C-alpha atoms as a PDB file:
ATOM      1  CA  MET A   1      11.295 -17.148   3.051  1.00  0.00           C
ATOM      2  CA  ALA A   2       8.690 -19.989   3.227  1.00  0.00           C
ATOM      3  CA  ASN A   3       5.058 -18.589   2.550  1.00  0.00           C
ATOM      4  CA  GLU A   4       3.510 -17.583   6.273  1.00  0.00           C
ATOM      5  CA  TYR A   5       0.231 -17.091   4.378  1.00  0.00           C
ATOM      6  CA  ASP A   6      -2.808 -19.213   4.846  1.00  0.00           C
ATOM      7  CA  GLU A   7      -4.025 -20.188   1.521  1.00  0.00           C
ATOM      8  CA  ASN A   8      -7.561 -19.693   2.482  1.00  0.00           C
ATOM      9  CA  LYS A   9      -7.558 -16.477   3.843  1.00  0.00           C
ATOM     10  CA  ASN A  10      -7.316 -14.612   0.961  1.00  0.00           C
ATOM     11  CA  PHE A  11      -8.926 -11.117   0.877  1.00  0.00           C
ATOM     12  CA  PRO A  12      -9.785  -9.699  -2.663  1.00  0.00           C
ATOM     13  CA  VAL A  13     -10.104  -6.148  -3.033  1.00  0.00           C
ATOM     14  CA  SER A  14     -12.377  -4.438  -6.042  1.00  0.00           C
ATOM     15  CA  TRP A  15     -10.960  -1.276  -7.893  1.00  0.00           C
ATOM     16  CA  GLU A  16     -14.328   0.473  -6.051  1.00  0.00           C
ATOM     17  CA  GLU A  17     -13.321  -0.776  -2.808  1.00  0.00           C
ATOM     18  CA  LEU A  18      -9.427   0.402  -3.417  1.00  0.00           C
ATOM     19  CA  HIS A  19     -10.819   3.713  -4.735  1.00  0.00           C
ATOM     20  CA  ARG A  20     -13.438   4.273  -1.479  1.00  0.00           C
ATOM     21  CA  ASN A  21     -10.386   2.934   1.016  1.00  0.00           C
ATOM     22  CA  SER A  22      -8.039   5.567  -0.506  1.00  0.00           C
ATOM     23  CA  LYS A  23     -10.440   8.299  -0.559  1.00  0.00           C
ATOM     24  CA  ALA A  24     -11.337   7.565   2.872  1.00  0.00           C
ATOM     25  CA  LEU A  25      -7.564   7.778   3.076  1.00  0.00           C
ATOM     26  CA  ALA A  26      -7.424  11.369   1.568  1.00  0.00           C
ATOM     27  CA  TRP A  27     -10.268  12.543   4.221  1.00  0.00           C
ATOM     28  CA  ARG A  28      -8.189  11.292   7.506  1.00  0.00           C
ATOM     29  CA  LEU A  29      -4.647  12.925   6.054  1.00  0.00           C
ATOM     30  CA  LEU A  30      -6.337  16.466   4.938  1.00  0.00           C
ATOM     31  CA  GLU A  31      -6.433  16.883   8.835  1.00  0.00           C
ATOM     32  CA  ILE A  32      -2.990  17.120   8.738  1.00  0.00           C
ATOM     33  CA  SER A  33      -2.432  18.580   5.399  1.00  0.00           C
ATOM     34  CA  PRO A  34      -1.208  20.591   3.263  1.00  0.00           C
ATOM     35  CA  PHE A  35       2.126  18.586   1.603  1.00  0.00           C
ATOM     36  CA  SER A  36       4.768  19.470  -0.333  1.00  0.00           C
ATOM     37  CA  GLY A  37       4.062  16.353  -2.419  1.00  0.00           C
ATOM     38  CA  ILE A  38       3.582  13.069  -2.800  1.00  0.00           C
ATOM     39  CA  VAL A  39       5.909   9.773  -2.391  1.00  0.00           C
ATOM     40  CA  ALA A  40       4.149   6.561  -4.109  1.00  0.00           C
ATOM     41  CA  VAL A  41       5.452   3.583  -3.008  1.00  0.00           C
ATOM     42  CA  THR A  42       5.690   1.757  -6.473  1.00  0.00           C
ATOM     43  CA  ARG A  43       3.988  -0.458  -7.510  1.00  0.00           C
ATOM     44  CA  GLY A  44       1.285  -0.799  -5.215  1.00  0.00           C
ATOM     45  CA  GLY A  45       1.157   2.731  -3.857  1.00  0.00           C
ATOM     46  CA  LEU A  46       0.879   4.251  -7.260  1.00  0.00           C
ATOM     47  CA  VAL A  47      -3.162   3.891  -7.700  1.00  0.00           C
ATOM     48  CA  PRO A  48      -3.691   4.959  -3.846  1.00  0.00           C
ATOM     49  CA  ALA A  49      -1.486   7.807  -4.272  1.00  0.00           C
ATOM     50  CA  ALA A  50      -3.283   9.104  -8.010  1.00  0.00           C
ATOM     51  CA  ILE A  51      -6.354   8.939  -5.885  1.00  0.00           C
ATOM     52  CA  VAL A  52      -4.728  10.766  -3.213  1.00  0.00           C
ATOM     53  CA  ALA A  53      -3.082  13.337  -5.036  1.00  0.00           C
ATOM     54  CA  ARG A  54      -6.823  14.249  -6.636  1.00  0.00           C
ATOM     55  CA  GLU A  55      -8.706  14.027  -3.824  1.00  0.00           C
ATOM     56  CA  LEU A  56      -5.691  16.912  -2.017  1.00  0.00           C
ATOM     57  CA  GLU A  57      -5.070  18.527  -5.031  1.00  0.00           C
ATOM     58  CA  ILE A  58      -1.451  17.568  -4.737  1.00  0.00           C
ATOM     59  CA  ARG A  59       0.332  17.967  -8.459  1.00  0.00           C
ATOM     60  CA  LEU A  60       3.459  17.085  -7.364  1.00  0.00           C
ATOM     61  CA  ILE A  61       4.157  13.178  -6.978  1.00  0.00           C
ATOM     62  CA  GLU A  62       7.481  11.795  -6.797  1.00  0.00           C
ATOM     63  CA  THR A  63       8.424   7.756  -6.343  1.00  0.00           C
ATOM     64  CA  ALA A  64      10.369   5.747  -4.163  1.00  0.00           C
ATOM     65  CA  CYS A  65      10.889   2.183  -6.323  1.00  0.00           C
ATOM     66  CA  LEU A  66      11.382  -0.955  -3.681  1.00  0.00           C
ATOM     67  CA  ALA A  67      11.233  -4.917  -4.066  1.00  0.00           C
ATOM     68  CA  SER A  68      10.483  -6.958  -0.940  1.00  0.00           C
ATOM     69  CA  TYR A  69       8.356 -10.265  -2.746  1.00  0.00           C
ATOM     70  CA  GLN A  70       8.927 -12.567  -5.318  1.00  0.00           C
ATOM     71  CA  GLU A  71       5.548 -13.904  -5.834  1.00  0.00           C
ATOM     72  CA  LYS A  72       4.425 -14.731  -2.187  1.00  0.00           C
ATOM     73  CA  SER A  73       7.479 -14.712  -0.732  1.00  0.00           C
ATOM     74  CA  ARG A  74       8.908 -12.104   1.613  1.00  0.00           C
ATOM     75  CA  SER A  75      12.541 -11.185   0.914  1.00  0.00           C
ATOM     76  CA  GLU A  76      15.335  -8.408   1.554  1.00  0.00           C
ATOM     77  CA  VAL A  77      14.223  -5.017   0.880  1.00  0.00           C
ATOM     78  CA  LYS A  78      15.658  -3.694  -2.768  1.00  0.00           C
ATOM     79  CA  ILE A  79      15.779   0.223  -3.532  1.00  0.00           C
ATOM     80  CA  LEU A  80      15.467   0.058  -7.109  1.00  0.00           C
ATOM     81  CA  LYS A  81      15.122   4.044  -6.833  1.00  0.00           C
ATOM     82  CA  PRO A  82      14.804   6.217  -3.932  1.00  0.00           C
ATOM     83  CA  ALA A  83      12.769   9.273  -3.837  1.00  0.00           C
ATOM     84  CA  SER A  84      15.455  11.934  -4.646  1.00  0.00           C
ATOM     85  CA  MET A  85      13.078  15.075  -4.733  1.00  0.00           C
ATOM     86  CA  ALA A  86      12.077  14.611  -0.565  1.00  0.00           C
ATOM     87  CA  GLU A  87      14.768  14.479   0.659  1.00  0.00           C
ATOM     88  CA  ASP A  88      14.466  13.581   4.399  1.00  0.00           C
ATOM     89  CA  GLY A  89      10.592  13.711   3.756  1.00  0.00           C
ATOM     90  CA  ASP A  90      10.063  17.166   5.642  1.00  0.00           C
ATOM     91  CA  GLY A  91       6.385  18.005   4.489  1.00  0.00           C
ATOM     92  CA  TRP A  92       6.331  15.115   2.261  1.00  0.00           C
ATOM     93  CA  LEU A  93       3.590  12.308   2.357  1.00  0.00           C
ATOM     94  CA  ILE A  94       4.507   8.573   1.220  1.00  0.00           C
ATOM     95  CA  ILE A  95       1.608   6.386   0.179  1.00  0.00           C
ATOM     96  CA  ASP A  96       1.429   2.916  -0.021  1.00  0.00           C
ATOM     97  CA  ASP A  97      -1.066  -0.044  -0.788  1.00  0.00           C
ATOM     98  CA  LEU A  98       0.036  -1.722   2.474  1.00  0.00           C
ATOM     99  CA  VAL A  99       2.225  -2.367   5.297  1.00  0.00           C
ATOM    100  CA  ASP A 100       2.613  -6.065   6.128  1.00  0.00           C
ATOM    101  CA  THR A 101       5.602  -6.867   8.351  1.00  0.00           C
ATOM    102  CA  GLY A 102       7.065  -3.085   8.379  1.00  0.00           C
ATOM    103  CA  GLU A 103      10.300  -3.932   6.757  1.00  0.00           C
ATOM    104  CA  THR A 104       9.789  -1.573   3.622  1.00  0.00           C
ATOM    105  CA  GLY A 105       8.513   0.812   5.686  1.00  0.00           C
ATOM    106  CA  LYS A 106      11.493   0.841   7.815  1.00  0.00           C
ATOM    107  CA  VAL A 107      13.621   1.596   4.657  1.00  0.00           C
ATOM    108  CA  LEU A 108      11.302   4.412   3.435  1.00  0.00           C
ATOM    109  CA  ARG A 109      12.092   5.771   7.075  1.00  0.00           C
ATOM    110  CA  GLN A 110      15.558   5.561   6.929  1.00  0.00           C
ATOM    111  CA  MET A 111      15.580   7.342   3.410  1.00  0.00           C
ATOM    112  CA  MET A 112      12.707   9.922   4.588  1.00  0.00           C
ATOM    113  CA  PRO A 113      12.641  10.237   7.962  1.00  0.00           C
ATOM    114  CA  LYS A 114      10.138  13.403   8.594  1.00  0.00           C
ATOM    115  CA  ALA A 115       7.995  12.104   5.816  1.00  0.00           C
ATOM    116  CA  HIS A 116       4.117  11.104   6.964  1.00  0.00           C
ATOM    117  CA  PHE A 117       3.747   7.580   5.656  1.00  0.00           C
ATOM    118  CA  ALA A 118       0.202   6.676   5.322  1.00  0.00           C
ATOM    119  CA  THR A 119      -1.343   3.109   3.420  1.00  0.00           C
ATOM    120  CA  VAL A 120      -4.534   2.131   2.971  1.00  0.00           C
ATOM    121  CA  TYR A 121      -4.022  -1.212   4.225  1.00  0.00           C
ATOM    122  CA  ALA A 122      -2.202  -2.432   7.351  1.00  0.00           C
ATOM    123  CA  LYS A 123      -1.146  -5.752   8.933  1.00  0.00           C
ATOM    124  CA  PRO A 124      -0.002  -6.121  12.907  1.00  0.00           C
ATOM    125  CA  SER A 125       3.366  -6.348  12.501  1.00  0.00           C
ATOM    126  CA  GLY A 126       3.813  -3.153  10.366  1.00  0.00           C
ATOM    127  CA  ARG A 127       1.053  -1.341  11.846  1.00  0.00           C
ATOM    128  CA  SER A 128       3.073   0.841  14.069  1.00  0.00           C
ATOM    129  CA  VAL A 129       5.350   2.052  11.368  1.00  0.00           C
ATOM    130  CA  VAL A 130       3.001   4.153   9.530  1.00  0.00           C
ATOM    131  CA  ASP A 131       1.629   7.112  10.526  1.00  0.00           C
ATOM    132  CA  THR A 132      -2.335   7.012   8.983  1.00  0.00           C
ATOM    133  CA  TYR A 133      -4.125   3.748   7.977  1.00  0.00           C
ATOM    134  CA  ILE A 134      -7.536   2.618   6.916  1.00  0.00           C
ATOM    135  CA  THR A 135      -8.009  -0.888   6.746  1.00  0.00           C
ATOM    136  CA  GLU A 136      -6.584  -3.523   9.167  1.00  0.00           C
ATOM    137  CA  VAL A 137      -6.140  -7.099   8.253  1.00  0.00           C
ATOM    138  CA  SER A 138      -4.883 -10.206  10.169  1.00  0.00           C
ATOM    139  CA  GLN A 139      -1.316 -11.078   9.685  1.00  0.00           C
ATOM    140  CA  ASP A 140      -1.702 -14.627   7.667  1.00  0.00           C
ATOM    141  CA  THR A 141      -3.982 -13.139   5.275  1.00  0.00           C
ATOM    142  CA  TRP A 142      -2.838 -12.358   1.404  1.00  0.00           C
ATOM    143  CA  ILE A 143      -4.639  -9.183  -0.268  1.00  0.00           C
ATOM    144  CA  PHE A 144      -5.176  -9.533  -3.781  1.00  0.00           C
ATOM    145  CA  PHE A 145      -5.349  -6.117  -5.256  1.00  0.00           C
ATOM    146  CA  PRO A 146      -7.439  -5.326  -8.464  1.00  0.00           C
ATOM    147  CA  TRP A 147      -4.440  -5.480 -10.483  1.00  0.00           C
ATOM    148  CA  ASP A 148      -3.547  -9.242  -9.112  1.00  0.00           C
ATOM    149  CA  LEU A 149      -6.737 -10.272 -10.516  1.00  0.00           C
ATOM    150  CA  GLU A 150      -8.622 -11.001 -13.790  1.00  0.00           C
ATOM    151  CA  PRO A 151     -12.440 -11.780 -14.562  1.00  0.00           C
ATOM    152  CA  LYS A 152     -13.178 -15.213 -15.461  1.00  0.00           C
ATOM    153  CA  PRO A 153     -16.399 -17.174 -15.642  1.00  0.00           C
ATOM    154  CA  SER A 154     -17.460 -19.129 -12.868  1.00  0.00           C
ATOM    155  CA  VAL A 155     -19.215 -22.699 -12.705  1.00  0.00           C
ATOM    156  CA  PRO A 156     -22.501 -22.072 -11.369  1.00  0.00           C
ATOM    157  CA  ILE A 157     -23.300 -23.691  -7.706  1.00  0.00           C
ATOM    158  CA  MET A 158     -25.304 -26.336  -8.855  1.00  0.00           C
ATOM    159  CA  GLY A 159     -22.308 -27.521 -11.455  1.00  0.00           C
ATOM    160  CA  ARG A 160     -19.936 -27.967  -8.492  1.00  0.00           C
ATOM    161  CA  ARG A 161     -22.024 -30.718  -6.556  1.00  0.00           C
ATOM    162  CA  GLY A 162     -20.600 -34.419  -7.391  1.00  0.00           C
END
């Protein structure tokens, strides 16, 4: 699939911001807990799931391993490993970093229709697939998570003038 993102609409997320928003997600989920366990959607849902698990004192964490991106291009959702412990999802909490188009979420819903699905970030096309989210960003924005970035030196503003 072609890249559908505006190169100028990058949304870099720091570790601190991700932690703060994941903790805010835990506060919202507290109202509907307890949960039997968490299904962390790999790879992006691993860090938010760990934070939510700590805050809600959930020790049972399963993974659902799906792939839907190659670089910045969407591809067909591939199930690499289902969350076998969660069965139909009854009493379970699915955590992912982001819902974009909702295609991955639809696959997760088919796998675990009774689970509560929560993400830290949501785009308009996928918003209806999740039960709970914290921050909405525009559909054409590309989110750079902390694991996508590395610190590097920058040129001072004065040095950029021609």
